[in-house]
Amino acid sequence: MGSYFNNSSNFKIGTVDIRSSSVTYNGTKSALERLEEHISPGAAFNSDERCDAPKCHPDTRVAVQDEILSWITAGETDAEPKRILWLTGPAGTGKTAIAGSVAETCSKAGLLAASFFFSSFAGSADRRSKRFVVPTLAYQLRKHQGLAVVGRGILSTIDHDPAVFTARLKDQLEDLVLKPFRQLHGQLDASSIPKVIIIDGIDECEGTNILSRSMKEEESRAASERDQLEILDVLLQAASDTNFPFRIIAVSRPERHLSNFFNSASACATTLKVFLDETYDPDSDITLFLQSKFTEIRRRYHLPPSWPSEKDIRTLAYNASGQFVYAATVVRFVEDRSKLPQVQLNRALNLRTGASITDRYEALDTLYTHILKGCPDPMLTVKWIRLIASTNRPEYPAHFWRLYLESNPGETEYVLGCIPSLLHLPAPEDRRAPPQFFHKSLHDFVGDQARCDELYLDDHEFHLFAVERYFRIIRG
């Protein structure tokens, strides 16, 4: 077992950080090769890494998608045109699904200039860091036929200053993107270039220092907020430049520091805010989603057409409180192939919540609690979830976690195999794939004592567990 860790470097377990500073350069690299070293291929909307990312179910979220697409194609005719659209809303309301669907539509129509989808649970660290944003956007821009001359300008900049990637984001943007467009002022055919850049999950960008060393939780949060605000400053910088031809869609939760930014005078003047609330009738969309998914389950198990009843669907849609993550979790819970779907649906419907759901997370929290309490050892499962989710290195394969966390062979399946509706666990023979949480809200839930109640694991217990497992490896 210990051989897996031999000569390992550049990884962190809890507060333990093992790093190597050796770097080897061989030969002379072209500007394109240098650029490719600083991009995040997995952050593009259509990357293989995002093949399972959520998209809007057919005929759902039509109103909000139509509003966004109208702004992209004809927003300049508004009485007060805005260059940035901020799509925001609470966790689980489908922001990333909407952004992905809009990106898909725009790509097919030749309207998408570039995209970057942050993810705190991504399989690669570059989707959680600000350092890759500008180079990735520049790389995608140069691939458009109508922007070939801009692409040559980008590569020329890198030839003259190979260290441009170490500069501040604002300077990277100026040198890699704005200057090439500025130098071509009036020379580009507006009809032949795309119209929009989409940046999703800005609130999931993690502070650069978090990825390299141990920090207290407060310091980590502050570092992440600084990097997120720096990204927004750069987007505002781009939108304020008359030579920058694109509109920008920024997607995030309405966290306080992000809301304060968009409420500032400078950002307000150039930002259209789209908040995902009841205005966009999420209950109807969730009902359509549930009807479609339960039809698939009904056909798979040859169940009668009356299952589930319309009342059952209405109850689930009501319990969702506008949160698609609740509906998606219920569907995965019901279609668990190790259990009967009728039994699972009844369990989901019979979970006790308040008579009227005033807390939008109440039904989701009740569902999470029920699923976790159904595990053989609920607290051990919570410990594993907390540790896997808090390492800032979700690209670690499931094989790594087996070696690190198992006290006995097969314990991984015992601890995590009971939550297939919350987490995808690769097969034991797959030594590369990481475990994948279906939604960040699970991490939010287990980290909030007010929400998870007796399933809460305080920091002292959490660190004791992490250290105990670490020293077990050392002793082994």
Protein backbone atom coordinates (compact mmCIF):
# COMPACT_ATOMS: atom_id res chain seq x y z
CA MET A 1 0.00 0.00 0.00
CA GLY A 2 2.75 2.43 0.94
CA SER A 3 4.33 2.18 -2.51
CA TYR A 4 1.51 4.27 -3.97
CA PHE A 5 2.90 7.28 -2.09
CA ASN A 6 6.57 6.70 -2.91
CA ASN A 7 8.14 9.71 -4.65
CA SER A 8 4.78 11.48 -4.67
CA SER A 9 4.74 15.28 -4.78
CA ASN A 10 2.45 18.25 -5.19
CA PHE A 11 -0.45 16.98 -3.13
CA LYS A 12 -2.17 17.97 0.08
CA ILE A 13 -4.04 15.93 2.65
CA GLY A 14 -5.86 18.10 5.17
CA THR A 15 -3.10 20.25 6.62
CA VAL A 16 -0.26 18.15 5.17
CA ASP A 17 1.26 19.58 1.99
CA ILE A 18 3.89 17.66 -0.01
CA ARG A 19 5.42 19.72 -2.79
CA SER A 20 8.27 19.70 -5.25
CA SER A 21 9.79 22.82 -6.79
CA SER A 22 11.82 21.15 -9.53
CA VAL A 23 11.00 22.27 -13.06
CA THR A 24 12.72 21.12 -16.20
CA TYR A 25 12.64 22.95 -19.52
CA ASN A 26 13.73 21.19 -22.68
CA GLY A 27 14.30 23.04 -25.90
CA THR A 28 12.70 26.21 -27.20
CA LYS A 29 8.92 26.36 -27.20
CA SER A 30 6.72 28.13 -29.69
CA ALA A 31 4.27 30.80 -28.56
CA LEU A 32 1.37 28.41 -29.13
CA GLU A 33 3.03 25.72 -27.03
CA ARG A 34 3.57 28.22 -24.22
CA LEU A 35 -0.07 29.30 -24.44
CA GLU A 36 -1.28 25.70 -24.36
CA GLU A 37 0.67 25.14 -21.13
CA HIS A 38 -1.42 27.80 -19.38
CA ILE A 39 -4.94 26.89 -20.48
CA SER A 40 -7.63 24.76 -18.89
CA PRO A 41 -8.97 22.44 -21.63
CA GLY A 42 -11.59 21.05 -19.26
CA ALA A 43 -13.12 24.47 -18.62
CA ALA A 44 -14.59 24.81 -22.12
CA PHE A 45 -18.35 24.22 -22.21
CA ASN A 46 -17.96 21.24 -24.58
CA SER A 47 -14.91 19.60 -23.00
CA ASP A 48 -14.84 15.87 -22.37
CA GLU A 49 -14.39 16.69 -18.68
CA ARG A 50 -17.86 18.29 -18.74
CA CYS A 51 -19.55 15.50 -20.72
CA ASP A 52 -21.81 14.72 -17.75
CA ALA A 53 -22.37 18.36 -16.78
CA PRO A 54 -26.03 19.37 -16.37
CA LYS A 55 -27.93 20.87 -19.28
CA CYS A 56 -31.47 22.17 -19.28
CA HIS A 57 -34.00 19.42 -19.88
CA PRO A 58 -35.90 19.91 -23.16
CA ASP A 59 -38.67 22.50 -22.89
CA THR A 60 -37.47 23.72 -19.47
CA ARG A 61 -35.95 27.05 -18.53
CA VAL A 62 -37.22 28.39 -21.85
CA ALA A 63 -38.11 31.87 -20.57
CA VAL A 64 -34.74 32.62 -18.99
CA GLN A 65 -32.82 31.15 -21.93
CA ASP A 66 -34.87 33.25 -24.35
CA GLU A 67 -34.17 36.38 -22.31
CA ILE A 68 -30.43 35.70 -22.31
CA LEU A 69 -30.29 34.86 -26.02
CA SER A 70 -32.28 37.99 -26.87
CA TRP A 71 -29.78 40.07 -24.90
CA ILE A 72 -26.87 38.44 -26.75
CA THR A 73 -28.28 39.04 -30.21
CA ALA A 74 -30.15 42.33 -29.79
CA GLY A 75 -29.14 43.82 -26.45
CA GLU A 76 -27.43 46.76 -28.10
CA THR A 77 -30.88 48.10 -29.05
CA ASP A 78 -31.96 48.43 -25.40
CA ALA A 79 -32.58 51.93 -24.08
CA GLU A 80 -29.58 51.46 -21.76
CA PRO A 81 -27.40 48.73 -23.32
CA LYS A 82 -25.41 46.55 -20.91
CA ARG A 83 -22.20 44.69 -21.78
CA ILE A 84 -22.35 42.21 -18.87
CA LEU A 85 -25.20 39.91 -17.84
CA TRP A 86 -24.99 38.52 -14.31
CA LEU A 87 -26.96 35.28 -14.02
CA THR A 88 -27.39 34.51 -10.34
CA GLY A 89 -29.53 32.59 -7.89
CA PRO A 90 -29.27 30.28 -4.86
CA ALA A 91 -27.57 26.89 -4.95
CA GLY A 92 -29.44 24.26 -6.92
CA THR A 93 -31.51 26.59 -9.09
CA GLY A 94 -29.91 25.41 -12.34
CA LYS A 95 -27.46 28.22 -13.11
CA THR A 96 -24.78 25.96 -14.60
CA ALA A 97 -27.35 23.99 -16.59
CA ILE A 98 -28.68 27.22 -18.08
CA ALA A 99 -25.18 28.50 -18.83
CA GLY A 100 -24.26 25.21 -20.49
CA SER A 101 -27.42 25.16 -22.59
CA VAL A 102 -26.95 28.79 -23.66
CA ALA A 103 -23.32 28.03 -24.56
CA GLU A 104 -24.45 25.05 -26.64
CA THR A 105 -27.05 27.12 -28.47
CA CYS A 106 -24.61 29.98 -29.08
CA SER A 107 -21.89 27.63 -30.30
CA LYS A 108 -24.21 26.08 -32.88
CA ALA A 109 -25.22 29.57 -34.05
CA GLY A 110 -21.62 30.82 -34.25
CA LEU A 111 -22.22 33.29 -31.40
CA LEU A 112 -19.95 31.81 -28.70
CA ALA A 113 -16.51 33.42 -28.57
CA ALA A 114 -15.17 31.58 -25.51
CA SER A 115 -16.25 29.95 -22.27
CA PHE A 116 -14.79 29.04 -18.90
CA PHE A 117 -16.71 26.84 -16.46
CA PHE A 118 -15.22 26.86 -12.98
CA SER A 119 -15.88 23.85 -10.77
CA SER A 120 -14.77 23.30 -7.20
CA PHE A 121 -15.18 19.55 -7.71
CA ALA A 122 -13.49 19.42 -11.10
CA GLY A 123 -11.14 16.62 -12.00
CA SER A 124 -8.38 19.15 -12.71
CA ALA A 125 -7.07 21.93 -10.47
CA ASP A 126 -6.92 24.41 -13.36
CA ARG A 127 -10.73 24.70 -13.32
CA ARG A 128 -10.54 26.12 -9.82
CA SER A 129 -7.83 28.75 -10.32
CA LYS A 130 -7.93 32.29 -11.69
CA ARG A 131 -4.52 31.80 -13.32
CA PHE A 132 -5.96 29.91 -16.27
CA VAL A 133 -8.89 32.16 -17.13
CA VAL A 134 -7.34 34.77 -19.43
CA PRO A 135 -5.00 32.36 -21.29
CA THR A 136 -7.90 29.94 -21.83
CA LEU A 137 -10.14 32.68 -23.23
CA ALA A 138 -7.30 33.93 -25.45
CA TYR A 139 -6.68 30.39 -26.72
CA GLN A 140 -10.34 29.89 -27.60
CA LEU A 141 -10.60 33.30 -29.29
CA ARG A 142 -7.70 32.59 -31.64
CA LYS A 143 -9.44 29.44 -32.92
CA HIS A 144 -12.26 31.40 -34.59
CA GLN A 145 -11.83 31.86 -38.33
CA GLY A 146 -13.00 35.46 -38.16
CA LEU A 147 -10.43 36.20 -35.44
CA ALA A 148 -7.36 34.65 -37.08
CA VAL A 149 -5.55 37.98 -37.23
CA VAL A 150 -6.30 38.52 -33.53
CA GLY A 151 -4.84 35.09 -32.85
CA ARG A 152 -1.61 36.09 -34.56
CA GLY A 153 -1.48 39.16 -32.32
CA ILE A 154 -1.93 36.97 -29.23
CA LEU A 155 0.94 34.69 -30.24
CA SER A 156 3.12 37.68 -31.11
CA THR A 157 2.60 39.02 -27.59
CA ILE A 158 3.74 35.71 -26.11
CA ASP A 159 6.80 35.63 -28.39
CA HIS A 160 7.83 39.07 -27.14
CA ASP A 161 6.97 38.37 -23.48
CA PRO A 162 6.90 34.67 -22.55
CA ALA A 163 6.45 35.68 -18.90
CA VAL A 164 3.11 37.35 -19.59
CA PHE A 165 1.36 34.44 -17.84
CA THR A 166 2.92 35.42 -14.51
CA ALA A 167 1.48 38.95 -14.65
CA ARG A 168 -1.63 40.17 -12.84
CA LEU A 169 -4.91 39.23 -14.49
CA LYS A 170 -5.56 42.83 -15.58
CA ASP A 171 -2.17 42.93 -17.33
CA GLN A 172 -2.71 39.52 -18.91
CA LEU A 173 -6.04 40.71 -20.26
CA GLU A 174 -4.51 43.94 -21.55
CA ASP A 175 -1.61 42.22 -23.32
CA LEU A 176 -3.22 38.99 -24.53
CA VAL A 177 -6.70 40.22 -25.44
CA LEU A 178 -7.33 43.96 -25.43
CA LYS A 179 -4.16 45.11 -27.24
CA PRO A 180 -4.62 42.73 -30.20
CA PHE A 181 -8.19 44.00 -30.66
CA ARG A 182 -7.12 47.61 -30.16
CA GLN A 183 -4.45 47.29 -32.85
CA LEU A 184 -7.12 46.08 -35.28
CA HIS A 185 -9.60 48.86 -34.54
CA GLY A 186 -12.01 49.19 -37.46
CA GLN A 187 -10.45 46.31 -39.41
CA LEU A 188 -12.58 43.39 -38.18
CA ASP A 189 -15.79 42.37 -39.92
CA ALA A 190 -18.36 42.50 -37.10
CA SER A 191 -20.64 40.09 -38.96
CA SER A 192 -17.98 37.36 -39.02
CA ILE A 193 -17.03 37.31 -35.34
CA PRO A 194 -18.89 35.73 -32.39
CA LYS A 195 -20.76 37.77 -29.81
CA VAL A 196 -20.48 36.41 -26.27
CA ILE A 197 -18.11 35.03 -23.63
CA ILE A 198 -19.55 32.89 -20.82
CA ILE A 199 -17.87 32.52 -17.41
CA ASP A 200 -19.71 30.12 -15.08
CA GLY A 201 -19.21 29.29 -11.41
CA ILE A 202 -17.15 32.32 -10.43
CA ASP A 203 -17.99 31.63 -6.78
CA GLU A 204 -16.25 28.25 -7.18
CA CYS A 205 -12.89 29.82 -8.03
CA GLU A 206 -10.51 29.07 -5.17
CA GLY A 207 -7.74 31.31 -3.90
CA THR A 208 -4.44 30.58 -5.62
CA ASN A 209 -2.66 30.02 -2.31
CA ILE A 210 -5.24 27.46 -1.22
CA LEU A 211 -4.01 25.11 -3.91
CA SER A 212 -0.42 25.29 -2.71
CA ARG A 213 -0.41 25.44 1.09
CA SER A 214 -2.42 24.98 4.23
CA MET A 215 -4.69 27.79 5.37
CA LYS A 216 -7.22 28.37 8.07
CA GLU A 217 -10.81 28.35 6.85
CA GLU A 218 -11.19 32.12 7.26
CA GLU A 219 -7.97 32.79 5.35
CA SER A 220 -9.00 30.37 2.60
CA ARG A 221 -12.36 32.08 2.21
CA ALA A 222 -10.75 35.52 2.09
CA ALA A 223 -8.20 34.37 -0.51
CA SER A 224 -10.95 32.89 -2.68
CA GLU A 225 -13.05 36.04 -2.43
CA ARG A 226 -10.08 38.17 -3.49
CA ASP A 227 -9.46 36.03 -6.54
CA GLN A 228 -13.15 36.00 -7.46
CA LEU A 229 -13.30 39.79 -7.24
CA GLU A 230 -10.15 40.06 -9.34
CA ILE A 231 -11.87 38.03 -12.05
CA LEU A 232 -14.89 40.34 -11.94
CA ASP A 233 -12.60 43.38 -12.13
CA VAL A 234 -11.06 41.91 -15.27
CA LEU A 235 -14.47 41.24 -16.83
CA LEU A 236 -15.51 44.82 -16.09
CA GLN A 237 -12.20 46.03 -17.54
CA ALA A 238 -12.92 44.16 -20.77
CA ALA A 239 -16.54 45.29 -20.99
CA SER A 240 -15.48 48.91 -20.50
CA ASP A 241 -13.07 48.84 -23.45
CA THR A 242 -14.78 49.99 -26.66
CA ASN A 243 -12.44 47.81 -28.74
CA PHE A 244 -13.59 44.64 -26.97
CA PRO A 245 -16.40 43.34 -29.22
CA PHE A 246 -18.03 40.76 -26.95
CA ARG A 247 -20.79 40.66 -24.40
CA ILE A 248 -20.01 38.78 -21.19
CA ILE A 249 -22.22 36.42 -19.19
CA ALA A 250 -21.01 36.00 -15.61
CA VAL A 251 -22.65 33.24 -13.56
CA SER A 252 -22.42 32.80 -9.79
CA ARG A 253 -24.31 32.44 -6.56
CA PRO A 254 -25.33 35.77 -5.03
CA GLU A 255 -22.61 35.66 -2.37
CA ARG A 256 -22.28 38.91 -0.42
CA HIS A 257 -18.93 40.02 -1.87
CA LEU A 258 -20.12 39.27 -5.42
CA SER A 259 -23.43 41.06 -4.89
CA ASN A 260 -21.58 44.06 -3.48
CA PHE A 261 -19.42 44.15 -6.59
CA PHE A 262 -22.37 44.12 -8.98
CA ASN A 263 -24.17 46.71 -6.86
CA SER A 264 -21.24 49.12 -7.12
CA ALA A 265 -21.75 52.17 -9.31
CA SER A 266 -19.19 51.12 -11.93
CA ALA A 267 -20.60 47.59 -12.34
CA CYS A 268 -24.25 48.66 -12.17
CA ALA A 269 -23.79 50.94 -15.15
CA THR A 270 -22.82 48.06 -17.42
CA THR A 271 -24.58 45.02 -15.90
CA LEU A 272 -27.97 43.42 -16.51
CA LYS A 273 -28.96 41.24 -13.54
CA VAL A 274 -30.99 38.07 -14.04
CA PHE A 275 -31.98 36.48 -10.73
CA LEU A 276 -33.45 32.97 -10.87
CA ASP A 277 -36.60 33.31 -8.81
CA GLU A 278 -40.30 32.57 -9.25
CA THR A 279 -40.44 35.06 -12.13
CA TYR A 280 -39.14 32.30 -14.39
CA ASP A 281 -41.70 29.74 -13.13
CA PRO A 282 -39.25 27.05 -11.94
CA ASP A 283 -42.07 24.88 -10.57
CA SER A 284 -43.45 24.26 -14.07
CA ASP A 285 -39.97 23.42 -15.36
CA ILE A 286 -39.30 21.08 -12.44
CA THR A 287 -42.66 19.39 -13.05
CA LEU A 288 -41.73 18.78 -16.71
CA PHE A 289 -38.35 17.41 -15.65
CA LEU A 290 -39.89 15.04 -13.10
CA GLN A 291 -42.57 13.82 -15.52
CA SER A 292 -39.95 13.02 -18.14
CA LYS A 293 -37.57 11.25 -15.75
CA PHE A 294 -40.31 9.20 -14.08
CA THR A 295 -41.56 8.14 -17.52
CA GLU A 296 -38.09 6.71 -18.18
CA ILE A 297 -38.12 4.87 -14.83
CA ARG A 298 -41.67 3.61 -15.43
CA ARG A 299 -40.70 2.14 -18.81
CA ARG A 300 -37.52 0.59 -17.43
CA TYR A 301 -39.44 -1.26 -14.70
CA HIS A 302 -42.66 -1.84 -16.71
CA LEU A 303 -44.74 0.04 -14.15
CA PRO A 304 -48.37 1.10 -14.80
CA PRO A 305 -49.09 4.44 -16.52
CA SER A 306 -50.69 5.73 -13.32
CA TRP A 307 -47.30 5.70 -11.54
CA PRO A 308 -46.42 8.13 -10.18
CA SER A 309 -49.64 10.03 -9.65
CA GLU A 310 -50.04 13.67 -10.65
CA LYS A 311 -50.37 14.47 -6.96
CA ASP A 312 -46.98 12.85 -6.29
CA ILE A 313 -45.35 14.93 -9.02
CA ARG A 314 -46.96 18.13 -7.69
CA THR A 315 -45.75 17.33 -4.16
CA LEU A 316 -42.17 16.80 -5.30
CA ALA A 317 -42.22 19.97 -7.40
CA TYR A 318 -43.56 21.90 -4.42
CA ASN A 319 -40.94 20.46 -2.10
CA ALA A 320 -38.20 21.46 -4.53
CA SER A 321 -38.85 25.16 -3.81
CA GLY A 322 -37.38 26.08 -7.18
CA GLN A 323 -34.28 23.91 -6.71
CA PHE A 324 -33.48 21.60 -9.59
CA VAL A 325 -30.84 19.90 -7.42
CA TYR A 326 -33.63 18.56 -5.18
CA ALA A 327 -35.55 17.16 -8.16
CA ALA A 328 -32.42 15.60 -9.67
CA THR A 329 -31.46 14.03 -6.32
CA VAL A 330 -34.95 12.58 -5.87
CA VAL A 331 -34.76 11.02 -9.34
CA ARG A 332 -31.37 9.43 -8.63
CA PHE A 333 -32.69 8.24 -5.25
CA VAL A 334 -35.75 6.61 -6.84
CA GLU A 335 -33.86 4.96 -9.70
CA ASP A 336 -31.29 3.33 -7.39
CA ARG A 337 -31.13 -0.10 -9.05
CA SER A 338 -30.61 -1.88 -5.74
CA LYS A 339 -34.10 -0.89 -4.54
CA LEU A 340 -37.67 -0.84 -5.85
CA PRO A 341 -38.59 2.55 -7.37
CA GLN A 342 -42.09 2.49 -5.84
CA VAL A 343 -40.60 2.04 -2.36
CA GLN A 344 -38.01 4.75 -2.92
CA LEU A 345 -40.60 7.21 -4.20
CA ASN A 346 -42.82 6.61 -1.17
CA ARG A 347 -39.84 7.21 1.10
CA ALA A 348 -39.07 10.49 -0.63
CA LEU A 349 -42.71 11.59 -0.41
CA ASN A 350 -43.03 10.64 3.26
CA LEU A 351 -39.99 12.52 4.49
CA ARG A 352 -41.28 14.92 7.11
CA THR A 353 -40.79 18.62 6.52
CA GLY A 354 -42.67 21.63 7.84
CA ALA A 355 -46.30 22.10 6.85
CA SER A 356 -45.18 24.93 4.60
CA ILE A 357 -41.62 25.08 3.42
CA THR A 358 -40.38 28.51 4.45
CA ASP A 359 -36.70 27.49 4.33
CA ARG A 360 -35.91 26.78 0.70
CA TYR A 361 -33.32 24.17 1.77
CA GLU A 362 -35.58 22.28 4.18
CA ALA A 363 -36.77 19.59 1.77
CA LEU A 364 -33.29 19.16 0.29
CA ASP A 365 -31.73 18.89 3.76
CA THR A 366 -34.37 16.37 4.83
CA LEU A 367 -33.61 14.29 1.74
CA TYR A 368 -29.85 14.47 2.31
CA THR A 369 -30.34 13.49 5.96
CA HIS A 370 -32.52 10.51 5.03
CA ILE A 371 -30.01 9.25 2.46
CA LEU A 372 -27.02 9.60 4.79
CA LYS A 373 -28.84 8.01 7.75
CA GLY A 374 -29.57 5.04 5.52
CA CYS A 375 -25.84 4.25 5.40
CA PRO A 376 -24.43 1.49 7.66
CA ASP A 377 -22.31 4.07 9.51
CA PRO A 378 -23.68 7.56 8.75
CA MET A 379 -21.00 9.49 10.65
CA LEU A 380 -18.19 7.59 8.95
CA THR A 381 -19.74 8.42 5.58
CA VAL A 382 -19.93 12.09 6.57
CA LYS A 383 -16.25 11.99 7.61
CA TRP A 384 -15.25 10.62 4.23
CA ILE A 385 -17.40 13.17 2.39
CA ARG A 386 -15.94 16.05 4.40
CA LEU A 387 -12.35 14.91 3.85
CA ILE A 388 -12.71 14.23 0.13
CA ALA A 389 -14.56 17.50 -0.46
CA SER A 390 -12.23 19.67 1.62
CA THR A 391 -8.82 18.68 0.27
CA ASN A 392 -8.98 21.18 -2.63
CA ARG A 393 -7.72 18.33 -4.79
CA PRO A 394 -10.81 16.53 -6.09
CA GLU A 395 -8.76 15.19 -9.01
CA TYR A 396 -7.34 12.53 -6.67
CA PRO A 397 -8.57 9.19 -8.03
CA ALA A 398 -10.89 7.01 -5.99
CA HIS A 399 -7.98 4.56 -5.77
CA PHE A 400 -6.04 7.17 -3.77
CA TRP A 401 -8.90 7.54 -1.30
CA ARG A 402 -9.12 3.77 -0.93
CA LEU A 403 -5.46 3.67 0.05
CA TYR A 404 -5.68 6.68 2.34
CA LEU A 405 -9.01 6.12 4.10
CA GLU A 406 -9.67 2.39 4.18
CA SER A 407 -8.96 0.66 7.49
CA ASN A 408 -10.05 -2.65 5.95
CA PRO A 409 -10.30 -3.86 2.32
CA GLY A 410 -13.67 -3.03 0.79
CA GLU A 411 -14.42 -0.24 3.24
CA THR A 412 -14.85 2.30 0.42
CA GLU A 413 -17.88 0.46 -0.95
CA TYR A 414 -19.21 0.05 2.61
CA VAL A 415 -18.89 3.79 3.33
CA LEU A 416 -19.66 5.40 -0.04
CA GLY A 417 -21.50 2.70 -1.96
CA CYS A 418 -24.65 3.56 0.01
CA ILE A 419 -24.99 7.04 -1.53
CA PRO A 420 -25.23 6.49 -5.32
CA SER A 421 -27.74 9.35 -5.56
CA LEU A 422 -25.17 11.78 -4.11
CA LEU A 423 -21.83 10.57 -5.46
CA HIS A 424 -20.48 8.56 -8.37
CA LEU A 425 -17.92 6.01 -7.14
CA PRO A 426 -15.67 4.52 -9.85
CA ALA A 427 -15.14 0.76 -9.90
CA PRO A 428 -12.21 -0.55 -7.80
CA GLU A 429 -10.28 -1.56 -10.92
CA ASP A 430 -10.42 2.02 -12.25
CA ARG A 431 -7.29 3.61 -10.77
CA ARG A 432 -7.61 6.96 -12.52
CA ALA A 433 -11.16 8.27 -12.15
CA PRO A 434 -11.96 10.43 -9.10
CA PRO A 435 -15.13 10.12 -7.03
CA GLN A 436 -17.59 12.75 -8.27
CA PHE A 437 -20.16 14.56 -6.15
CA PHE A 438 -23.28 15.37 -8.14
CA HIS A 439 -23.68 18.82 -6.58
CA LYS A 440 -21.71 21.20 -4.39
CA SER A 441 -24.74 21.64 -2.11
CA LEU A 442 -23.90 18.32 -0.39
CA HIS A 443 -20.60 19.79 0.83
CA ASP A 444 -22.48 22.90 1.98
CA PHE A 445 -24.93 20.69 3.86
CA VAL A 446 -22.43 18.55 5.79
CA GLY A 447 -20.41 21.65 6.69
CA ASP A 448 -23.35 23.54 8.23
CA GLN A 449 -24.40 22.44 11.72
CA ALA A 450 -27.73 24.24 11.48
CA ARG A 451 -28.63 22.20 8.39
CA CYS A 452 -27.26 18.72 9.09
CA ASP A 453 -27.93 18.71 12.87
CA GLU A 454 -26.71 15.47 14.49
CA LEU A 455 -24.74 14.55 11.36
CA TYR A 456 -22.49 17.56 11.90
CA LEU A 457 -18.80 16.86 12.38
CA ASP A 458 -16.95 19.62 14.21
CA ASP A 459 -13.49 20.72 13.13
CA HIS A 460 -11.77 18.95 16.04
CA GLU A 461 -13.33 15.57 15.17
CA PHE A 462 -12.65 16.15 11.49
CA HIS A 463 -8.94 16.85 12.01
CA LEU A 464 -8.58 13.92 14.42
CA PHE A 465 -10.00 11.60 11.78
CA ALA A 466 -7.73 12.98 9.04
CA VAL A 467 -4.61 12.73 11.23
CA GLU A 468 -5.49 9.23 12.45
CA ARG A 469 -5.81 7.95 8.88
CA TYR A 470 -2.60 9.70 7.88
CA PHE A 471 -0.56 8.15 10.70
CA ARG A 472 -2.06 4.76 9.94
CA ILE A 473 -0.35 5.03 6.54
CA ILE A 474 2.93 6.08 8.14
CA ARG A 475 2.81 3.14 10.55
CA GLY A 476 1.92 0.81 7.69
